[in-house]
């Protein structure tokens, strides 16, 4: 599983953090070129691949790659 965040697209709105039922994401201290604090993955092992973060991101800055079995 991989949660990918495009830091330059992220505006740090926090919707992905809010909608993640497993607390995989949080707003980090990292800033992009526009000066926004961007979202970051804090606990990738908890991710269930529900894609609620991806679905609710208004800027299409996050996507989840599913595990290949």
Protein backbone atom coordinates (compact mmCIF):
# COMPACT_ATOMS: atom_id res chain seq x y z
CA UNK A 1 0.00 0.00 0.00
CA UNK A 2 1.17 3.44 -0.74
CA UNK A 3 -0.52 6.73 -0.02
CA UNK A 4 0.94 9.31 -2.36
CA UNK A 5 0.62 13.03 -1.76
CA UNK A 6 1.60 15.59 -4.36
CA UNK A 7 3.01 18.26 -2.07
CA UNK A 8 2.82 20.97 -4.70
CA UNK A 9 -0.91 20.33 -5.27
CA UNK A 10 -1.78 20.06 -1.56
CA UNK A 11 -3.07 23.21 0.12
CA UNK A 12 -3.22 21.69 3.60
CA UNK A 13 -6.99 21.90 3.94
CA UNK A 14 -7.01 18.81 6.17
CA UNK A 15 -9.97 17.06 4.55
CA UNK A 16 -7.92 13.90 4.00
CA UNK A 17 -6.94 13.94 7.68
CA UNK A 18 -10.54 14.48 8.75
CA UNK A 19 -12.00 11.69 6.61
CA UNK A 20 -9.34 9.04 7.30
CA UNK A 21 -10.95 6.58 9.74
CA UNK A 22 -7.57 5.08 10.69
CA UNK A 23 -5.61 8.30 11.39
CA UNK A 24 -3.05 7.50 8.72
CA UNK A 25 -2.57 11.15 7.74
CA UNK A 26 -1.81 14.43 9.48
CA UNK A 27 -0.78 17.94 8.49
CA UNK A 28 3.01 18.03 8.55
CA UNK A 29 5.53 20.79 9.20
CA UNK A 30 6.66 20.57 5.55
CA UNK A 31 5.64 23.47 3.35
CA UNK A 32 5.27 23.60 -0.40
CA UNK A 33 6.37 26.45 -2.69
CA UNK A 34 3.05 28.20 -2.17
CA UNK A 35 3.60 28.32 1.60
CA UNK A 36 0.98 25.74 2.58
CA UNK A 37 1.68 23.14 5.27
CA UNK A 38 1.02 19.90 3.44
CA UNK A 39 -0.52 16.62 4.49
CA UNK A 40 1.77 13.73 5.30
CA UNK A 41 1.54 10.03 6.03
CA UNK A 42 2.17 9.31 9.71
CA UNK A 43 1.16 5.64 10.01
CA UNK A 44 1.03 3.87 6.62
CA UNK A 45 0.58 0.40 8.17
CA UNK A 46 -2.89 1.37 9.40
CA UNK A 47 -4.17 2.18 5.91
CA UNK A 48 -7.10 -0.01 4.82
CA UNK A 49 -7.18 1.37 1.26
CA UNK A 50 -10.67 2.80 1.73
CA UNK A 51 -9.61 5.77 -0.45
CA UNK A 52 -11.70 8.26 1.54
CA UNK A 53 -8.70 10.59 1.53
CA UNK A 54 -8.43 10.37 -2.24
CA UNK A 55 -12.17 10.81 -2.80
CA UNK A 56 -12.46 13.87 -0.56
CA UNK A 57 -9.35 15.75 -1.70
CA UNK A 58 -10.64 18.83 -3.57
CA UNK A 59 -7.26 19.34 -5.26
CA UNK A 60 -6.61 15.77 -6.46
CA UNK A 61 -3.35 15.88 -4.49
CA UNK A 62 -3.61 12.42 -2.94
CA UNK A 63 -4.03 8.93 -4.33
CA UNK A 64 -3.83 5.44 -2.92
CA UNK A 65 -2.06 2.65 -4.74
CA UNK A 66 -3.62 -0.69 -3.95
CA UNK A 67 -1.58 -3.70 -2.89
CA UNK A 68 -0.93 -6.23 -5.59
CA UNK A 69 -1.60 -9.75 -4.43
